[in-house]
Structures are given as structure tokens and as C-alpha cells.
Amino acid sequence: MPSEQSPAERREVTVRRAPKYVPFLILGALVGVAAAAVAAYAVPANPSFDAGAVFGFFMVWFAGGGAILGAILALILDRRSIKRQQRAVVEAVPDSEPDTDAQP
């Protein structure tokens, strides 16, 4: 029996490189923590506050600000990737032979 092959289905798709947001948020928060450490330990200490407490306070604010800046950067890069998107034509290729191997 000859096998009848149907014509391959063709579709037009959009191809672009979009950034992943989570790495930008994490990197922004880590940069914020590093900036908080510099702000807390590089300046002369105030005798009424412990340096660890100052670092903890700055860490909350700077990490949050860094995550927000990372998200903004990811959004900007995402908008740029929309402008650089390309169209491509893809077609489905059916399997030439069905898999009949039984995996033990």
C-alpha cells in the first residue's frame, strides 16, 4: 500500500529575541545590595547606629530600587526587540516512519 502524504502545512511566524525578566530583576536586586553595602560601610559610621542595622535598612531600599531599575531595563530591551522582529515561514514536516521501538 503506498502511503499518501498530505501537503506540508505552512505558517508565517514572528521571530524575535525577547529578554527574560527574572534574571534582570535578580541582577538589579544584587546590584542594589552591593550599593547598600558600599553606602553602609564606606562612609564614616554614626555612633548612634550599628553598621549592620544601617546596611539592613539600605539593603531593603536599594534592592527594591535595583529590582525596579532592572525591570525597566528589561522593558526597554523588550520594546527594542519588537522593532527588530522578523517574519519567517515554517512548514511542518511529518515523520517519515513511525517509531515502533519499545523502550524496556
N, C-alpha and C. Protein backbone atom coordinates (compact mmCIF):
# COMPACT_ATOMS: atom_id res chain seq x y z
N MET A 1 0.81 -1.17 0.00
CA MET A 1 0.00 0.00 0.00
C MET A 1 0.87 1.25 0.00
N PRO A 2 0.74 2.10 -0.96
CA PRO A 2 1.54 3.31 -0.94
C PRO A 2 0.99 4.29 0.10
N SER A 3 1.90 4.91 0.81
CA SER A 3 1.47 5.87 1.83
C SER A 3 1.23 7.22 1.16
N GLU A 4 0.10 7.77 1.47
CA GLU A 4 -0.24 9.08 0.91
C GLU A 4 0.23 10.16 1.88
N GLN A 5 0.98 11.09 1.36
CA GLN A 5 1.48 12.17 2.20
C GLN A 5 0.69 13.43 1.90
N SER A 6 0.20 14.03 2.95
CA SER A 6 -0.54 15.27 2.77
C SER A 6 0.46 16.42 2.57
N PRO A 7 0.05 17.47 1.91
CA PRO A 7 0.98 18.58 1.73
C PRO A 7 1.34 19.20 3.09
N ALA A 8 2.57 19.63 3.20
CA ALA A 8 3.04 20.20 4.45
C ALA A 8 2.32 21.51 4.73
N GLU A 9 1.99 21.70 6.00
CA GLU A 9 1.30 22.91 6.41
C GLU A 9 2.33 24.04 6.56
N ARG A 10 2.05 25.18 5.97
CA ARG A 10 2.96 26.33 6.05
C ARG A 10 2.31 27.41 6.90
N ARG A 11 3.15 28.04 7.73
CA ARG A 11 2.68 29.13 8.58
C ARG A 11 3.70 30.24 8.57
N GLU A 12 3.23 31.46 8.76
CA GLU A 12 4.12 32.60 8.91
C GLU A 12 4.19 32.93 10.40
N VAL A 13 5.40 33.01 10.93
CA VAL A 13 5.59 33.28 12.35
C VAL A 13 6.48 34.50 12.53
N THR A 14 6.42 35.07 13.72
CA THR A 14 7.27 36.19 14.09
C THR A 14 8.41 35.68 14.96
N VAL A 15 9.63 36.07 14.61
CA VAL A 15 10.80 35.64 15.36
C VAL A 15 11.46 36.88 15.96
N ARG A 16 11.68 36.85 17.29
CA ARG A 16 12.39 37.94 17.94
C ARG A 16 13.07 37.40 19.19
N ARG A 17 14.07 38.15 19.65
CA ARG A 17 14.79 37.78 20.86
C ARG A 17 14.31 38.67 21.99
N ALA A 18 13.48 38.14 22.84
CA ALA A 18 12.94 38.90 23.97
C ALA A 18 13.72 38.55 25.24
N PRO A 19 13.96 39.53 26.10
CA PRO A 19 14.69 39.24 27.34
C PRO A 19 13.82 38.49 28.35
N LYS A 20 14.47 37.75 29.21
CA LYS A 20 13.77 37.11 30.32
C LYS A 20 13.81 38.09 31.49
N TYR A 21 12.67 38.33 32.12
CA TYR A 21 12.56 39.38 33.13
C TYR A 21 13.18 38.99 34.47
N VAL A 22 13.06 37.75 34.88
CA VAL A 22 13.53 37.33 36.20
C VAL A 22 15.04 37.56 36.38
N PRO A 23 15.89 37.21 35.41
CA PRO A 23 17.32 37.50 35.61
C PRO A 23 17.61 39.00 35.75
N PHE A 24 16.86 39.84 35.05
CA PHE A 24 17.06 41.28 35.19
C PHE A 24 16.65 41.75 36.58
N LEU A 25 15.55 41.21 37.12
CA LEU A 25 15.12 41.58 38.46
C LEU A 25 16.14 41.13 39.51
N ILE A 26 16.63 39.91 39.36
CA ILE A 26 17.59 39.38 40.33
C ILE A 26 18.90 40.17 40.26
N LEU A 27 19.39 40.42 39.04
CA LEU A 27 20.64 41.17 38.90
C LEU A 27 20.49 42.58 39.44
N GLY A 28 19.36 43.22 39.20
CA GLY A 28 19.12 44.56 39.73
C GLY A 28 19.11 44.57 41.25
N ALA A 29 18.48 43.56 41.84
CA ALA A 29 18.46 43.47 43.30
C ALA A 29 19.85 43.22 43.87
N LEU A 30 20.65 42.38 43.21
CA LEU A 30 22.02 42.13 43.69
C LEU A 30 22.90 43.37 43.58
N VAL A 31 22.72 44.13 42.50
CA VAL A 31 23.47 45.39 42.38
C VAL A 31 23.03 46.35 43.47
N GLY A 32 21.73 46.35 43.79
CA GLY A 32 21.23 47.18 44.89
C GLY A 32 21.82 46.78 46.23
N VAL A 33 21.97 45.50 46.47
CA VAL A 33 22.57 45.03 47.73
C VAL A 33 24.04 45.46 47.80
N ALA A 34 24.75 45.36 46.69
CA ALA A 34 26.15 45.81 46.67
C ALA A 34 26.24 47.31 46.91
N ALA A 35 25.34 48.08 46.33
CA ALA A 35 25.33 49.53 46.55
C ALA A 35 24.99 49.84 48.00
N ALA A 36 24.12 49.05 48.62
CA ALA A 36 23.79 49.25 50.03
C ALA A 36 24.99 48.96 50.92
N ALA A 37 25.77 47.94 50.57
CA ALA A 37 26.97 47.63 51.35
C ALA A 37 27.98 48.76 51.25
N VAL A 38 28.13 49.31 50.06
CA VAL A 38 29.06 50.44 49.88
C VAL A 38 28.56 51.64 50.67
N ALA A 39 27.27 51.92 50.60
CA ALA A 39 26.71 53.08 51.31
C ALA A 39 26.80 52.91 52.82
N ALA A 40 26.66 51.70 53.32
CA ALA A 40 26.65 51.47 54.76
C ALA A 40 28.05 51.41 55.36
N TYR A 41 29.00 50.81 54.63
CA TYR A 41 30.32 50.57 55.22
C TYR A 41 31.41 51.50 54.72
N ALA A 42 31.19 52.23 53.66
CA ALA A 42 32.24 53.10 53.12
C ALA A 42 32.24 54.49 53.75
N VAL A 43 31.12 54.89 54.29
CA VAL A 43 31.06 56.23 54.91
C VAL A 43 31.40 56.11 56.39
N PRO A 44 31.83 57.20 56.99
CA PRO A 44 32.11 57.14 58.43
C PRO A 44 30.86 56.76 59.23
N ALA A 45 31.05 55.90 60.22
CA ALA A 45 29.92 55.38 60.98
C ALA A 45 29.38 56.42 61.96
N ASN A 46 28.08 56.38 62.15
CA ASN A 46 27.42 57.21 63.15
C ASN A 46 27.39 56.40 64.44
N PRO A 47 27.86 56.95 65.55
CA PRO A 47 27.91 56.14 66.79
C PRO A 47 26.54 55.74 67.32
N SER A 48 25.48 56.40 66.91
CA SER A 48 24.16 56.05 67.43
C SER A 48 23.52 54.88 66.67
N PHE A 49 24.09 54.48 65.52
CA PHE A 49 23.54 53.37 64.74
C PHE A 49 24.62 52.33 64.47
N ASP A 50 24.24 51.08 64.56
CA ASP A 50 25.14 49.98 64.23
C ASP A 50 25.26 49.89 62.71
N ALA A 51 26.44 49.56 62.19
CA ALA A 51 26.65 49.48 60.74
C ALA A 51 25.79 48.37 60.12
N GLY A 52 25.56 47.28 60.83
CA GLY A 52 24.72 46.20 60.33
C GLY A 52 23.27 46.64 60.18
N ALA A 53 22.79 47.43 61.13
CA ALA A 53 21.42 47.92 61.04
C ALA A 53 21.27 48.90 59.87
N VAL A 54 22.27 49.73 59.67
CA VAL A 54 22.25 50.67 58.55
C VAL A 54 22.28 49.90 57.24
N PHE A 55 23.11 48.86 57.17
CA PHE A 55 23.17 48.04 55.96
C PHE A 55 21.82 47.37 55.69
N GLY A 56 21.19 46.83 56.71
CA GLY A 56 19.88 46.19 56.53
C GLY A 56 18.82 47.16 56.04
N PHE A 57 18.82 48.37 56.58
CA PHE A 57 17.87 49.37 56.13
C PHE A 57 18.12 49.76 54.68
N PHE A 58 19.39 50.03 54.36
CA PHE A 58 19.72 50.39 52.98
C PHE A 58 19.48 49.23 52.02
N MET A 59 19.72 48.00 52.50
CA MET A 59 19.57 46.84 51.63
C MET A 59 18.12 46.71 51.15
N VAL A 60 17.16 46.94 52.04
CA VAL A 60 15.76 46.84 51.65
C VAL A 60 15.43 47.86 50.58
N TRP A 61 15.85 49.09 50.78
CA TRP A 61 15.53 50.14 49.82
C TRP A 61 16.31 50.00 48.52
N PHE A 62 17.59 49.73 48.61
CA PHE A 62 18.41 49.66 47.41
C PHE A 62 18.11 48.41 46.58
N ALA A 63 17.83 47.28 47.24
CA ALA A 63 17.50 46.06 46.49
C ALA A 63 16.17 46.24 45.76
N GLY A 64 15.20 46.86 46.42
CA GLY A 64 13.93 47.13 45.76
C GLY A 64 14.09 48.09 44.58
N GLY A 65 14.87 49.14 44.79
CA GLY A 65 15.13 50.09 43.71
C GLY A 65 15.90 49.45 42.56
N GLY A 66 16.86 48.59 42.88
CA GLY A 66 17.62 47.90 41.84
C GLY A 66 16.75 46.94 41.04
N ALA A 67 15.82 46.26 41.72
CA ALA A 67 14.90 45.36 41.01
C ALA A 67 13.98 46.16 40.08
N ILE A 68 13.54 47.32 40.53
CA ILE A 68 12.69 48.16 39.68
C ILE A 68 13.48 48.66 38.47
N LEU A 69 14.72 49.08 38.69
CA LEU A 69 15.54 49.52 37.56
C LEU A 69 15.84 48.37 36.60
N GLY A 70 16.05 47.17 37.13
CA GLY A 70 16.26 46.00 36.27
C GLY A 70 15.03 45.70 35.44
N ALA A 71 13.84 45.85 36.03
CA ALA A 71 12.60 45.61 35.28
C ALA A 71 12.42 46.66 34.19
N ILE A 72 12.76 47.90 34.49
CA ILE A 72 12.66 48.96 33.48
C ILE A 72 13.61 48.67 32.32
N LEU A 73 14.83 48.25 32.63
CA LEU A 73 15.79 47.91 31.59
C LEU A 73 15.28 46.74 30.73
N ALA A 74 14.69 45.74 31.36
CA ALA A 74 14.14 44.61 30.60
C ALA A 74 12.99 45.07 29.70
N LEU A 75 12.16 45.98 30.19
CA LEU A 75 11.07 46.50 29.36
C LEU A 75 11.60 47.28 28.16
N ILE A 76 12.65 48.07 28.37
CA ILE A 76 13.25 48.83 27.27
C ILE A 76 13.82 47.87 26.22
N LEU A 77 14.54 46.84 26.67
CA LEU A 77 15.09 45.87 25.73
C LEU A 77 14.00 45.08 25.03
N ASP A 78 12.89 44.82 25.72
CA ASP A 78 11.77 44.13 25.09
C ASP A 78 11.15 44.99 23.99
N ARG A 79 11.01 46.27 24.22
CA ARG A 79 10.48 47.17 23.20
C ARG A 79 11.42 47.24 21.99
N ARG A 80 12.72 47.25 22.24
CA ARG A 80 13.69 47.26 21.13
C ARG A 80 13.62 45.96 20.33
N SER A 81 13.35 44.84 21.00
CA SER A 81 13.28 43.57 20.27
C SER A 81 12.04 43.51 19.39
N ILE A 82 10.99 44.22 19.76
CA ILE A 82 9.79 44.26 18.92
C ILE A 82 10.09 44.97 17.61
N LYS A 83 10.91 46.02 17.68
CA LYS A 83 11.27 46.75 16.47
C LYS A 83 12.16 45.92 15.54
N ARG A 84 12.91 44.99 16.10
CA ARG A 84 13.84 44.17 15.30
C ARG A 84 13.27 42.81 14.95
N GLN A 85 12.00 42.59 15.15
CA GLN A 85 11.43 41.27 14.87
C GLN A 85 11.43 41.00 13.37
N GLN A 86 11.45 39.73 13.04
CA GLN A 86 11.47 39.32 11.64
C GLN A 86 10.36 38.30 11.42
N ARG A 87 9.90 38.21 10.19
CA ARG A 87 8.89 37.24 9.82
C ARG A 87 9.58 36.06 9.15
N ALA A 88 9.08 34.87 9.41
CA ALA A 88 9.63 33.66 8.81
C ALA A 88 8.48 32.73 8.44
N VAL A 89 8.73 31.90 7.46
CA VAL A 89 7.75 30.90 7.04
C VAL A 89 8.26 29.54 7.49
N VAL A 90 7.41 28.82 8.22
CA VAL A 90 7.78 27.48 8.68
C VAL A 90 6.79 26.49 8.11
N GLU A 91 7.25 25.26 7.97
CA GLU A 91 6.33 24.23 7.49
C GLU A 91 6.55 22.97 8.31
N ALA A 92 5.47 22.30 8.58
CA ALA A 92 5.51 21.07 9.37
C ALA A 92 6.03 19.94 8.50
N VAL A 93 6.92 19.16 9.07
CA VAL A 93 7.48 18.01 8.35
C VAL A 93 6.99 16.76 9.08
N PRO A 94 6.19 15.94 8.40
CA PRO A 94 5.71 14.72 9.06
C PRO A 94 6.84 13.71 9.21
N ASP A 95 6.69 12.84 10.19
CA ASP A 95 7.68 11.77 10.39
C ASP A 95 7.66 10.84 9.18
N SER A 96 8.85 10.42 8.76
CA SER A 96 8.92 9.53 7.61
C SER A 96 8.48 8.12 8.00
N GLU A 97 8.84 7.69 9.22
CA GLU A 97 8.44 6.37 9.69
C GLU A 97 8.02 6.51 11.14
N PRO A 98 6.93 5.90 11.52
CA PRO A 98 6.52 5.97 12.93
C PRO A 98 7.48 5.18 13.81
N ASP A 99 7.67 5.65 15.01
CA ASP A 99 8.53 4.95 15.97
C ASP A 99 7.81 3.72 16.49
N THR A 100 8.42 2.56 16.32
CA THR A 100 7.83 1.31 16.80
C THR A 100 8.72 0.63 17.84
N ASP A 101 9.84 1.26 18.19
CA ASP A 101 10.76 0.66 19.16
C ASP A 101 10.14 0.74 20.55
N ALA A 102 10.11 -0.41 21.21
CA ALA A 102 9.60 -0.46 22.58
C ALA A 102 10.77 -0.24 23.52
N GLN A 103 10.65 0.74 24.37
CA GLN A 103 11.70 1.04 25.34
C GLN A 103 11.52 0.13 26.56
N PRO A 104 12.55 -0.63 26.94
CA PRO A 104 12.40 -1.53 28.11
C PRO A 104 12.46 -0.77 29.41
